[in-house]
Amino acid sequence: MSLTPRGKDGRGGGAEPPQVPGGDRGRRRRRVLRWSAIVLAVVILGTAGAGYLYYQHLNANIKKDHLNIGDAKDRAAESKANAAGQTPLNILLIGSDARDSEENQKLGGAKDTFNTAPRADVQMLLHLSADRSNMSVVSMPRDTLVDIPKCTDPDTGKVYGALTSTITNDSLGRGGPGCTVATWEKLTDIHIDHFMMIDFAGVVSMADAIGGVPVCVDANIYSKSSDGHGSGLKLKKGTTSVKGVQALQWLRTRYGFEDNTDIARAKAQHQYMNAMVRQLRENATLGNPNALRKLAETATSALTVDDGLGSVAKLYDLSKELKKVPTKRITMTTMPWQYSSSSSGRVVPKPGDAEQLFRLVREDIALDGKDKKKKPATPASTDPPAADDHIAVQVQNGTASNTRAAQTGRAHAIAQLLTGKGFTEAVADSSAISGVDRTVIRYPSADLEGDAQRVAEALGVPLSSVKKSTDVSGVTLVVGADWRSGTKYTAPAEDDKTPSSAQVINGSDKKQCMHVNPNYTW
């Protein structure tokens, strides 16, 4: 797919930067610069220059893996273009704790896990808006319990069965990053276009290559407890430029920040990412080819990407899109969460708030609240709907809530309503189900998306409430607590505000400083 928003000049990604006229020296200089590669590593942006003969070497550095190795039924529909023909981009950033080399083992510690399956300890979904005006990042705490779909390693043919209520970072060890991508798509229903993964050694080498990243703590910190917990990070109060092992320690620190949880670690990672973006944008220059060549070498060697990003040219195209977003329109968030009632220390997506955040990303609504009011793009179906009298619809009663019992007879009443509108194959399902706050229409596969949308249109249910779900076998209407009576559905007003529980951090905020847990000061 083209990384350039469609609808502008009709050209896709991959075009070389234009040559600038000038003398022989100028042409040689520009030939170096035109092969600049701007890459993502854990964060957003870095600039690197290299000559044409070096280009193939850099391409060979880049490691590639499969984008999505889950079942087709668990995959999210592709993002739809806006009115101008522009398409958003969703990129999953993965930090691997792989200990598959001597260097990674030394940096990661935990000798008992040497050469075992890697885990996705850092997971961040980067959303680049269709019009390239803003960027949103959503982190998922590594201790989140999720359903991991069935994944098949295409290289070995090994099949990993689906798992329920499993810690999210286990997904990486089930066939590779393509299973982590599949897990995100199943949870969020957000189509992921690309992934980028980096390991311990890669973080260290990237931090060295860019000359360090400024981070701040509000007290002296030493992340090491008497029983051995901690990353070893030791910093004085105030701002320090960290690089190498110290940068890795910052990103891994859990014991010593705030309440010693993975949530605090995610916040520290956001602050690091924001600072790295600002550092690169303020200081990176095309005037020092040797320094840029070093960065290019480091970045391409550090990354594992999907085939869609598997060359310097493709990374360059992506970088041009990312550079269009001003720092002040970058928003970092953490997936709203709550502690699991079934597993000590683990968390689960917070009902309502997490889905709200995912919906905003799906509908390309800026998380900083600065978008002009716009109507979400209509999600066109891949197949036209069948005739109304050939669409089978199961109607379920989901009107129960935390404070009220289910309204009896609602499934039967709405099934009759559908029958009267020509959906003669609509039937009420009397089985007991959990209540839902909002009426929703679910469908299991892309070939039934058009049918589900047609049912929504007939009832006045917004298309944003039509959801792909592997929990149903056909088009299923769940009458929610918002439709306890009557035959006319009135959709509740959409709230496009980012939930406060998402812990928003703006990319231009230079005052961010991590709070140090008093038990880890020196």
Protein backbone atom coordinates (compact mmCIF):
# COMPACT_ATOMS: atom_id res chain seq x y z
CA MET A 1 0.00 0.00 0.00
CA SER A 2 1.10 3.57 -0.56
CA LEU A 3 2.20 5.45 2.51
CA THR A 4 1.40 8.81 0.93
CA PRO A 5 -2.18 10.00 1.53
CA ARG A 6 -4.17 9.34 -1.60
CA GLY A 7 -6.03 12.18 -3.29
CA LYS A 8 -3.15 14.66 -3.48
CA ASP A 9 -0.90 14.06 -6.49
CA GLY A 10 -1.95 10.53 -7.38
CA ARG A 11 1.49 9.09 -6.74
CA GLY A 12 2.11 6.34 -4.22
CA GLY A 13 5.00 5.85 -1.80
CA GLY A 14 8.43 4.93 -3.03
CA ALA A 15 9.21 8.01 -5.12
CA GLU A 16 12.71 9.38 -4.64
CA PRO A 17 13.14 12.87 -3.24
CA PRO A 18 13.63 15.30 -6.14
CA GLN A 19 17.15 16.28 -7.19
CA VAL A 20 18.13 19.87 -6.58
CA PRO A 21 20.04 21.59 -9.39
CA GLY A 22 23.56 22.82 -8.70
CA GLY A 23 27.23 22.17 -9.39
CA ASP A 24 29.02 18.82 -9.28
CA ARG A 25 29.71 19.19 -5.56
CA GLY A 26 26.10 20.08 -4.93
CA ARG A 27 24.91 17.09 -6.97
CA ARG A 28 27.21 14.71 -5.11
CA ARG A 29 26.04 16.13 -1.79
CA ARG A 30 22.42 15.84 -2.76
CA ARG A 31 22.92 12.32 -4.02
CA VAL A 32 23.98 11.41 -0.51
CA LEU A 33 21.03 13.22 0.99
CA ARG A 34 18.39 11.94 -1.40
CA TRP A 35 18.92 8.42 -0.04
CA SER A 36 18.23 9.65 3.49
CA ALA A 37 16.35 7.05 5.51
CA ILE A 38 14.21 8.24 8.41
CA VAL A 39 13.31 5.36 10.63
CA LEU A 40 11.19 4.47 13.64
CA ALA A 41 12.77 2.67 16.58
CA VAL A 42 10.60 2.31 19.69
CA VAL A 43 9.64 5.92 19.05
CA ILE A 44 8.77 8.02 16.11
CA LEU A 45 11.50 9.59 14.06
CA GLY A 46 15.19 9.62 13.16
CA THR A 47 17.11 10.84 10.11
CA ALA A 48 19.91 9.00 8.34
CA GLY A 49 21.86 9.66 5.15
CA ALA A 50 23.70 7.23 2.90
CA GLY A 51 25.03 7.05 -0.64
CA TYR A 52 23.47 4.93 -3.35
CA LEU A 53 26.03 2.12 -3.10
CA TYR A 54 25.34 1.96 0.63
CA TYR A 55 21.63 1.66 0.03
CA GLN A 56 21.61 -2.08 -0.69
CA HIS A 57 23.70 -2.73 2.41
CA LEU A 58 21.16 -0.88 4.53
CA ASN A 59 18.32 -2.85 2.96
CA ALA A 60 20.09 -6.08 3.86
CA ASN A 61 20.34 -4.92 7.49
CA ILE A 62 16.58 -4.75 7.91
CA LYS A 63 15.01 -7.90 9.35
CA LYS A 64 11.50 -8.79 8.17
CA ASP A 65 8.67 -10.92 9.53
CA HIS A 66 5.03 -11.60 8.73
CA LEU A 67 2.51 -8.87 9.54
CA ASN A 68 -0.45 -10.91 10.81
CA ILE A 69 -0.43 -14.67 11.40
CA GLY A 70 -3.87 -14.95 13.00
CA ASP A 71 -6.99 -16.40 11.40
CA ALA A 72 -8.75 -14.27 8.83
CA LYS A 73 -11.91 -14.29 10.97
CA ASP A 74 -10.08 -12.45 13.76
CA ARG A 75 -8.74 -9.68 11.55
CA ALA A 76 -10.10 -6.14 11.57
CA ALA A 77 -11.47 -4.56 8.42
CA GLU A 78 -9.09 -2.22 6.59
CA SER A 79 -9.30 1.46 7.48
CA LYS A 80 -11.55 3.45 5.15
CA ALA A 81 -10.45 6.54 3.24
CA ASN A 82 -11.82 9.93 4.21
CA ALA A 83 -13.71 12.23 1.84
CA ALA A 84 -10.41 13.39 0.28
CA GLY A 85 -9.32 9.82 -0.41
CA GLN A 86 -6.70 9.83 2.36
CA THR A 87 -6.21 6.78 4.57
CA PRO A 88 -4.96 6.62 8.18
CA LEU A 89 -1.99 4.44 9.13
CA ASN A 90 -1.78 2.20 12.20
CA ILE A 91 1.66 0.92 13.20
CA LEU A 92 2.28 -1.41 16.16
CA LEU A 93 5.56 -0.65 17.96
CA ILE A 94 6.92 -3.67 19.84
CA GLY A 95 9.77 -3.80 22.35
CA SER A 96 11.02 -7.38 22.64
CA ASP A 97 12.74 -8.77 25.74
CA ALA A 98 14.44 -11.44 23.60
CA ARG A 99 17.51 -12.97 25.24
CA ASP A 100 18.61 -14.81 22.12
CA SER A 101 22.12 -13.37 21.88
CA GLU A 102 25.03 -12.79 24.24
CA GLU A 103 24.47 -9.04 24.04
CA ASN A 104 20.72 -9.28 24.74
CA GLN A 105 21.40 -11.72 27.58
CA LYS A 106 23.89 -9.33 29.16
CA LEU A 107 21.49 -6.40 28.89
CA GLY A 108 18.36 -8.32 29.89
CA GLY A 109 19.71 -10.42 32.72
CA ALA A 110 17.51 -13.36 33.84
CA LYS A 111 19.91 -16.14 32.78
CA ASP A 112 17.20 -18.75 33.27
CA THR A 113 15.28 -17.31 30.30
CA PHE A 114 18.19 -17.41 27.82
CA ASN A 115 17.03 -18.38 24.33
CA THR A 116 13.43 -18.88 25.45
CA ALA A 117 10.46 -17.44 23.56
CA PRO A 118 10.62 -13.62 23.50
CA ARG A 119 7.91 -11.51 25.09
CA ALA A 120 6.43 -8.23 23.88
CA ASP A 121 7.16 -6.16 26.97
CA VAL A 122 6.48 -2.87 25.18
CA GLN A 123 3.41 -2.56 22.95
CA MET A 124 2.31 0.79 21.52
CA LEU A 125 -0.13 1.41 18.71
CA LEU A 126 0.80 4.48 16.68
CA HIS A 127 -2.09 6.00 14.74
CA LEU A 128 -1.30 8.54 12.01
CA SER A 129 -4.43 10.43 10.99
CA ALA A 130 -5.64 10.27 7.40
CA ASP A 131 -4.98 13.98 6.83
CA ARG A 132 -1.59 13.74 8.62
CA SER A 133 -2.57 16.54 10.99
CA ASN A 134 -2.15 14.53 14.20
CA MET A 135 -0.72 11.35 15.70
CA SER A 136 -1.94 9.26 18.62
CA VAL A 137 -0.10 6.54 20.54
CA VAL A 138 -1.89 3.97 22.72
CA SER A 139 0.18 1.81 25.09
CA MET A 140 -1.03 -1.47 26.49
CA PRO A 141 0.45 -2.46 29.88
CA ARG A 142 2.39 -5.71 29.52
CA ASP A 143 0.42 -7.19 32.46
CA THR A 144 -2.89 -6.89 30.58
CA LEU A 145 -4.95 -10.07 30.30
CA VAL A 146 -6.34 -10.51 26.77
CA ASP A 147 -7.64 -13.22 24.47
CA ILE A 148 -4.85 -14.31 22.13
CA PRO A 149 -6.22 -15.72 18.85
CA LYS A 150 -5.00 -18.83 17.10
CA CYS A 151 -1.72 -18.07 15.32
CA THR A 152 0.13 -20.12 12.71
CA ASP A 153 3.87 -19.68 12.18
CA PRO A 154 4.14 -19.57 8.37
CA ASP A 155 7.83 -20.52 8.47
CA THR A 156 7.42 -23.73 10.48
CA GLY A 157 3.70 -24.45 10.09
CA LYS A 158 3.34 -24.73 13.88
CA VAL A 159 -0.16 -23.83 15.08
CA TYR A 160 -0.63 -22.07 18.41
CA GLY A 161 -4.16 -22.56 19.71
CA ALA A 162 -6.27 -19.64 20.92
CA LEU A 163 -5.92 -18.64 24.57
CA THR A 164 -8.25 -16.72 26.85
CA SER A 165 -7.35 -14.32 29.66
CA THR A 166 -3.61 -14.56 28.97
CA ILE A 167 -0.96 -11.92 29.65
CA THR A 168 -0.52 -9.92 26.46
CA ASN A 169 3.27 -10.08 26.22
CA ASP A 170 3.06 -13.87 25.68
CA SER A 171 1.71 -13.22 22.18
CA LEU A 172 5.17 -12.57 20.70
CA GLY A 173 6.38 -16.07 21.54
CA ARG A 174 3.52 -17.65 19.59
CA GLY A 175 4.95 -17.41 16.07
CA GLY A 176 6.43 -13.91 16.19
CA PRO A 177 5.27 -10.29 16.00
CA GLY A 178 2.47 -11.27 13.61
CA CYS A 179 0.68 -12.90 16.56
CA THR A 180 1.02 -9.71 18.64
CA VAL A 181 -0.53 -7.81 15.73
CA ALA A 182 -3.35 -10.38 15.52
CA THR A 183 -3.98 -10.02 19.27
CA TRP A 184 -4.29 -6.24 18.99
CA GLU A 185 -6.67 -6.48 16.05
CA LYS A 186 -8.88 -8.98 17.88
CA LEU A 187 -9.04 -6.79 20.98
CA THR A 188 -9.44 -3.36 19.37
CA ASP A 189 -10.99 -4.08 15.95
CA ILE A 190 -8.40 -1.62 14.58
CA HIS A 191 -6.72 -2.64 11.33
CA ILE A 192 -2.91 -2.59 11.72
CA ASP A 193 -0.94 -1.71 8.60
CA HIS A 194 2.62 -2.28 9.84
CA PHE A 195 4.70 -3.26 12.85
CA MET A 196 8.20 -2.29 14.00
CA MET A 197 10.06 -4.29 16.64
CA ILE A 198 13.29 -3.62 18.51
CA ASP A 199 15.14 -5.64 21.20
CA PHE A 200 17.40 -4.73 24.15
CA ALA A 201 20.54 -4.31 22.05
CA GLY A 202 18.64 -2.22 19.52
CA VAL A 203 17.45 0.25 22.16
CA VAL A 204 21.00 0.71 23.41
CA SER A 205 22.51 1.19 19.95
CA MET A 206 19.79 3.66 18.88
CA ALA A 207 20.17 5.76 22.01
CA ASP A 208 23.93 5.92 21.41
CA ALA A 209 23.47 6.83 17.73
CA ILE A 210 21.29 9.87 18.42
CA GLY A 211 23.55 11.16 21.22
CA GLY A 212 21.21 10.59 24.15
CA VAL A 213 17.65 11.42 25.23
CA PRO A 214 16.85 13.94 28.02
CA VAL A 215 14.69 12.50 30.83
CA CYS A 216 13.65 13.93 34.18
CA VAL A 217 13.06 12.60 37.72
CA ASP A 218 11.80 14.63 40.68
CA ALA A 219 14.27 13.03 43.13
CA ASN A 220 17.44 10.95 43.10
CA ILE A 221 16.51 7.44 41.99
CA TYR A 222 18.18 4.05 42.30
CA SER A 223 16.03 1.24 40.93
CA LYS A 224 17.35 -1.62 43.01
CA SER A 225 15.71 -3.22 46.05
CA SER A 226 17.19 -5.38 48.77
CA ASP A 227 15.62 -8.48 47.24
CA GLY A 228 17.05 -7.80 43.79
CA HIS A 229 14.13 -6.08 42.06
CA GLY A 230 14.85 -3.18 39.77
CA SER A 231 16.51 -2.15 36.52
CA GLY A 232 19.61 -0.63 38.13
CA LEU A 233 18.78 2.86 36.90
CA LYS A 234 20.63 5.45 39.00
CA LEU A 235 20.05 9.15 38.29
CA LYS A 236 20.27 12.44 40.13
CA LYS A 237 17.22 14.66 40.57
CA GLY A 238 16.47 16.76 37.51
CA THR A 239 17.15 16.22 33.81
CA THR A 240 19.78 13.80 32.52
CA SER A 241 20.59 12.83 28.95
CA VAL A 242 20.52 9.04 28.94
CA LYS A 243 21.95 6.75 26.30
CA GLY A 244 23.24 3.22 25.96
CA VAL A 245 22.49 0.92 28.88
CA GLN A 246 21.11 3.81 30.91
CA ALA A 247 18.46 4.46 28.24
CA LEU A 248 17.45 0.81 28.37
CA GLN A 249 17.27 0.96 32.16
CA TRP A 250 14.93 3.95 31.94
CA LEU A 251 12.60 2.12 29.57
CA ARG A 252 12.62 -1.01 31.76
CA THR A 253 12.28 0.67 35.17
CA ARG A 254 9.27 -0.42 37.14
CA TYR A 255 10.59 -0.42 40.72
CA GLY A 256 11.25 3.20 41.59
CA PHE A 257 8.68 5.06 39.52
CA GLU A 258 5.48 6.13 41.28
CA ASP A 259 3.70 3.00 42.59
CA ASN A 260 6.16 0.43 41.19
CA THR A 261 3.68 -0.82 38.60
CA ASP A 262 3.83 -1.46 34.90
CA ILE A 263 1.51 1.52 34.45
CA ALA A 264 4.20 3.86 35.79
CA ARG A 265 6.73 2.22 33.49
CA ALA A 266 4.48 2.94 30.48
CA LYS A 267 4.31 6.59 31.55
CA ALA A 268 8.10 6.76 31.68
CA GLN A 269 8.27 5.21 28.22
CA HIS A 270 5.92 7.88 26.89
CA GLN A 271 8.10 10.60 28.35
CA TYR A 272 11.18 9.04 26.75
CA MET A 273 9.43 8.82 23.37
CA ASN A 274 8.30 12.44 23.50
CA ALA A 275 11.79 13.61 24.44
CA MET A 276 13.33 11.51 21.68
CA VAL A 277 10.99 13.00 19.09
CA ARG A 278 11.85 16.53 20.19
CA GLN A 279 15.57 15.73 20.30
CA LEU A 280 15.57 14.39 16.77
CA ARG A 281 13.47 17.18 15.34
CA GLU A 282 15.46 19.94 17.03
CA ASN A 283 18.96 18.56 16.46
CA ALA A 284 18.92 16.13 13.52
CA THR A 285 20.39 17.70 10.41
CA LEU A 286 21.32 16.60 6.91
CA GLY A 287 24.57 18.57 7.17
CA ASN A 288 26.62 15.78 8.74
CA PRO A 289 26.55 12.74 6.43
CA ASN A 290 28.93 10.68 8.60
CA ALA A 291 26.76 11.03 11.69
CA LEU A 292 23.65 10.30 9.66
CA ARG A 293 25.26 7.26 8.06
CA LYS A 294 25.98 5.90 11.54
CA LEU A 295 22.37 6.45 12.53
CA ALA A 296 21.17 4.73 9.36
CA GLU A 297 23.42 1.72 10.02
CA THR A 298 22.27 1.49 13.62
CA ALA A 299 18.57 1.94 12.94
CA THR A 300 18.31 -0.53 10.07
CA SER A 301 20.23 -3.15 12.06
CA ALA A 302 18.05 -2.63 15.15
CA LEU A 303 14.66 -3.06 13.50
CA THR A 304 12.45 -5.96 12.56
CA VAL A 305 9.53 -4.87 10.36
CA ASP A 306 6.82 -6.35 8.17
CA ASP A 307 7.40 -6.71 4.42
CA GLY A 308 5.48 -3.51 3.78
CA LEU A 309 8.26 -1.54 5.50
CA GLY A 310 11.14 -3.82 4.55
CA SER A 311 13.35 -1.37 2.64
CA VAL A 312 15.02 1.98 3.16
CA ALA A 313 12.79 3.51 0.48
CA LYS A 314 9.64 2.36 2.27
CA LEU A 315 10.91 3.61 5.63
CA TYR A 316 11.79 6.91 3.96
CA ASP A 317 8.25 7.22 2.58
CA LEU A 318 6.84 6.53 6.03
CA SER A 319 9.13 9.10 7.60
CA LYS A 320 7.88 11.79 5.25
CA GLU A 321 4.33 11.12 6.39
CA LEU A 322 5.28 11.19 10.08
CA LYS A 323 7.22 14.44 9.71
CA LYS A 324 4.05 16.21 8.62
CA VAL A 325 2.66 16.01 12.17
CA PRO A 326 3.71 18.88 14.47
CA THR A 327 5.00 17.76 17.86
CA LYS A 328 2.17 19.58 19.63
CA ARG A 329 -0.34 17.29 17.83
CA ILE A 330 1.26 14.07 19.13
CA THR A 331 -0.78 12.52 21.95
CA MET A 332 0.50 9.68 24.15
CA THR A 333 -2.05 7.59 26.06
CA THR A 334 -2.29 4.38 28.05
CA MET A 335 -5.15 1.96 27.44
CA PRO A 336 -7.67 2.51 30.26
CA TRP A 337 -7.40 -0.44 32.63
CA GLN A 338 -8.57 -1.89 35.91
CA TYR A 339 -7.21 -4.68 38.08
CA SER A 340 -8.38 -8.17 37.23
CA SER A 341 -10.63 -9.82 39.80
CA SER A 342 -9.31 -13.26 38.87
CA SER A 343 -5.54 -12.73 38.74
CA SER A 344 -3.47 -10.84 41.29
CA GLY A 345 -1.38 -8.01 39.86
CA ARG A 346 -2.84 -8.35 36.36
CA VAL A 347 -5.05 -5.79 34.64
CA VAL A 348 -7.83 -5.89 32.05
CA PRO A 349 -9.18 -3.24 29.66
CA LYS A 350 -11.50 -0.92 31.57
CA PRO A 351 -15.08 -1.44 30.36
CA GLY A 352 -16.42 1.59 28.52
CA ASP A 353 -13.27 3.70 28.63
CA ALA A 354 -11.01 1.27 26.74
CA GLU A 355 -13.59 0.74 24.01
CA GLN A 356 -14.13 4.51 23.81
CA LEU A 357 -10.41 5.02 23.19
CA PHE A 358 -10.30 2.25 20.58
CA ARG A 359 -13.36 3.73 18.83
CA LEU A 360 -11.75 7.15 18.57
CA VAL A 361 -8.71 5.58 16.92
CA ARG A 362 -10.87 3.43 14.60
CA GLU A 363 -12.84 6.50 13.52
CA ASP A 364 -9.69 8.61 13.11
CA ILE A 365 -10.71 11.14 15.77
CA ALA A 366 -7.76 13.04 17.28
CA LEU A 367 -7.13 12.21 20.94
CA ASP A 368 -6.05 15.77 21.72
CA GLY A 369 -9.58 17.07 21.06
CA LYS A 370 -8.36 19.60 18.49
CA ASP A 371 -10.03 18.10 15.44
CA LYS A 372 -12.63 20.12 13.66
CA LYS A 373 -15.98 18.43 14.08
CA LYS A 374 -16.23 15.85 11.35
CA LYS A 375 -18.43 12.98 10.43
CA PRO A 376 -16.61 9.64 10.52
CA ALA A 377 -16.07 8.04 7.15
CA THR A 378 -18.80 5.57 6.22
CA PRO A 379 -17.31 2.06 6.42
CA ALA A 380 -18.10 0.57 3.05
CA SER A 381 -18.69 -3.17 3.10
CA THR A 382 -16.69 -5.56 0.97
CA ASP A 383 -19.84 -7.37 -0.23
CA PRO A 384 -23.25 -5.88 -1.02
CA PRO A 385 -26.05 -6.99 1.31
CA ALA A 386 -28.45 -9.77 0.44
CA ALA A 387 -32.12 -9.00 -0.08
CA ASP A 388 -33.80 -8.12 3.22
CA ASP A 389 -35.89 -11.29 3.24
CA HIS A 390 -32.70 -13.38 2.83
CA ILE A 391 -30.79 -11.85 5.74
CA ALA A 392 -30.90 -14.11 8.79
CA VAL A 393 -30.86 -12.09 12.01
CA GLN A 394 -30.73 -13.37 15.58
CA VAL A 395 -32.04 -10.87 18.13
CA GLN A 396 -30.81 -11.05 21.72
CA ASN A 397 -31.96 -9.21 24.84
CA GLY A 398 -29.01 -7.34 26.32
CA THR A 399 -31.00 -4.71 28.20
CA ALA A 400 -29.76 -5.70 31.67
CA SER A 401 -27.46 -3.24 33.44
CA ASN A 402 -25.66 -3.02 36.76
CA THR A 403 -28.72 -1.42 38.33
CA ARG A 404 -31.64 -2.91 36.38
CA ALA A 405 -32.79 -6.36 35.35
CA ALA A 406 -33.34 -7.14 31.68
CA GLN A 407 -36.55 -5.81 30.18
CA THR A 408 -38.57 -8.92 29.34
CA GLY A 409 -39.72 -9.53 25.78
CA ARG A 410 -37.33 -7.12 24.05
CA ALA A 411 -35.73 -9.71 21.76
CA HIS A 412 -39.16 -10.90 20.60
CA ALA A 413 -40.45 -7.35 20.12
CA ILE A 414 -37.51 -6.23 17.97
CA ALA A 415 -37.52 -9.48 15.99
CA GLN A 416 -41.17 -8.74 15.15
CA LEU A 417 -40.20 -5.17 14.20
CA LEU A 418 -37.60 -6.50 11.78
CA THR A 419 -40.06 -9.00 10.33
CA GLY A 420 -42.46 -6.14 9.67
CA LYS A 421 -39.71 -4.30 7.82
CA GLY A 422 -39.19 -7.24 5.48
CA PHE A 423 -36.49 -9.16 7.37
CA THR A 424 -38.59 -12.32 7.45
CA GLU A 425 -35.71 -14.48 8.71
CA ALA A 426 -35.30 -12.47 11.93
CA VAL A 427 -35.78 -14.59 15.06
CA ALA A 428 -35.59 -13.96 18.79
CA ASP A 429 -32.87 -15.78 20.73
CA SER A 430 -34.07 -16.66 24.23
CA SER A 431 -30.67 -17.66 25.61
CA ALA A 432 -29.37 -15.60 28.52
CA ILE A 433 -26.62 -13.12 27.67
CA SER A 434 -24.75 -10.37 29.46
CA GLY A 435 -26.21 -6.88 29.19
CA VAL A 436 -24.67 -4.22 26.95
CA ASP A 437 -24.88 -0.47 27.47
CA ARG A 438 -25.47 0.28 23.80
CA THR A 439 -27.33 -1.64 21.12
CA VAL A 440 -24.88 -3.41 18.83
CA ILE A 441 -25.06 -5.50 15.66
CA ARG A 442 -22.38 -8.17 15.39
CA TYR A 443 -21.25 -10.23 12.42
CA PRO A 444 -18.60 -12.98 12.24
CA SER A 445 -16.92 -12.46 8.85
CA ALA A 446 -16.43 -9.94 6.05
CA ASP A 447 -19.00 -11.61 3.76
CA LEU A 448 -21.75 -10.72 6.27
CA GLU A 449 -20.63 -7.13 6.92
CA GLY A 450 -22.97 -5.74 4.28
CA ASP A 451 -25.91 -7.68 5.74
CA ALA A 452 -25.17 -6.32 9.22
CA GLN A 453 -24.94 -2.77 7.91
CA ARG A 454 -28.26 -3.18 6.10
CA VAL A 455 -29.96 -4.24 9.37
CA ALA A 456 -28.43 -1.18 11.09
CA GLU A 457 -29.72 1.10 8.34
CA ALA A 458 -33.24 -0.31 8.63
CA LEU A 459 -33.34 0.28 12.40
CA GLY A 460 -31.50 3.61 12.54
CA VAL A 461 -28.56 2.10 14.41
CA PRO A 462 -25.31 3.99 13.61
CA LEU A 463 -22.73 2.10 11.56
CA SER A 464 -20.21 2.65 14.36
CA SER A 465 -22.30 0.13 16.34
CA VAL A 466 -21.81 -2.59 13.70
CA LYS A 467 -18.97 -4.79 14.96
CA LYS A 468 -17.10 -7.79 13.67
CA SER A 469 -17.07 -10.51 16.34
CA THR A 470 -15.98 -14.12 16.43
CA ASP A 471 -18.43 -14.72 19.29
CA VAL A 472 -21.37 -14.96 16.88
CA SER A 473 -22.09 -17.32 13.99
CA GLY A 474 -24.28 -14.93 11.98
CA VAL A 475 -25.72 -11.42 12.00
CA THR A 476 -26.74 -10.82 15.62
CA LEU A 477 -28.60 -7.81 16.98
CA VAL A 478 -28.10 -7.28 20.72
CA VAL A 479 -30.74 -4.90 22.05
CA GLY A 480 -28.94 -2.83 24.68
CA ALA A 481 -29.85 -0.95 27.83
CA ASP A 482 -30.28 2.16 25.67
CA TRP A 483 -33.35 0.60 23.94
CA ARG A 484 -35.50 -0.82 26.73
CA SER A 485 -38.79 0.26 25.18
CA GLY A 486 -40.41 1.37 21.95
CA THR A 487 -39.78 0.51 18.33
CA LYS A 488 -37.75 3.55 17.34
CA TYR A 489 -34.07 3.48 18.19
CA THR A 490 -32.50 6.80 19.18
CA ALA A 491 -28.74 6.63 19.12
CA PRO A 492 -27.08 8.31 22.10
CA ALA A 493 -24.96 11.34 21.28
CA GLU A 494 -21.38 10.34 20.52
CA ASP A 495 -18.87 11.51 23.10
CA ASP A 496 -15.61 12.07 21.24
CA LYS A 497 -13.58 13.01 24.31
CA THR A 498 -10.55 10.94 25.25
CA PRO A 499 -11.26 9.25 28.62
CA SER A 500 -9.36 10.80 31.52
CA SER A 501 -8.26 7.28 32.48
CA ALA A 502 -6.11 7.22 29.30
CA GLN A 503 -3.51 9.41 31.06
CA VAL A 504 -2.92 11.79 28.16
CA ILE A 505 0.56 13.27 27.61
CA ASN A 506 1.15 15.86 24.89
CA GLY A 507 4.24 15.47 22.70
CA SER A 508 5.33 19.10 23.12
CA ASP A 509 5.24 19.07 26.93
CA LYS A 510 8.85 19.61 28.05
CA LYS A 511 7.96 19.75 31.74
CA GLN A 512 7.27 16.04 32.11
CA CYS A 513 9.13 14.56 35.08
CA MET A 514 8.72 11.12 36.62
CA HIS A 515 7.78 10.92 40.29
CA VAL A 516 10.25 8.76 42.23
CA ASN A 517 8.96 6.27 44.79
CA PRO A 518 10.41 7.37 48.19
CA ASN A 519 11.66 3.82 48.83
CA TYR A 520 14.01 4.04 45.85
CA THR A 521 15.84 7.30 46.49
CA TRP A 522 19.48 7.74 47.46
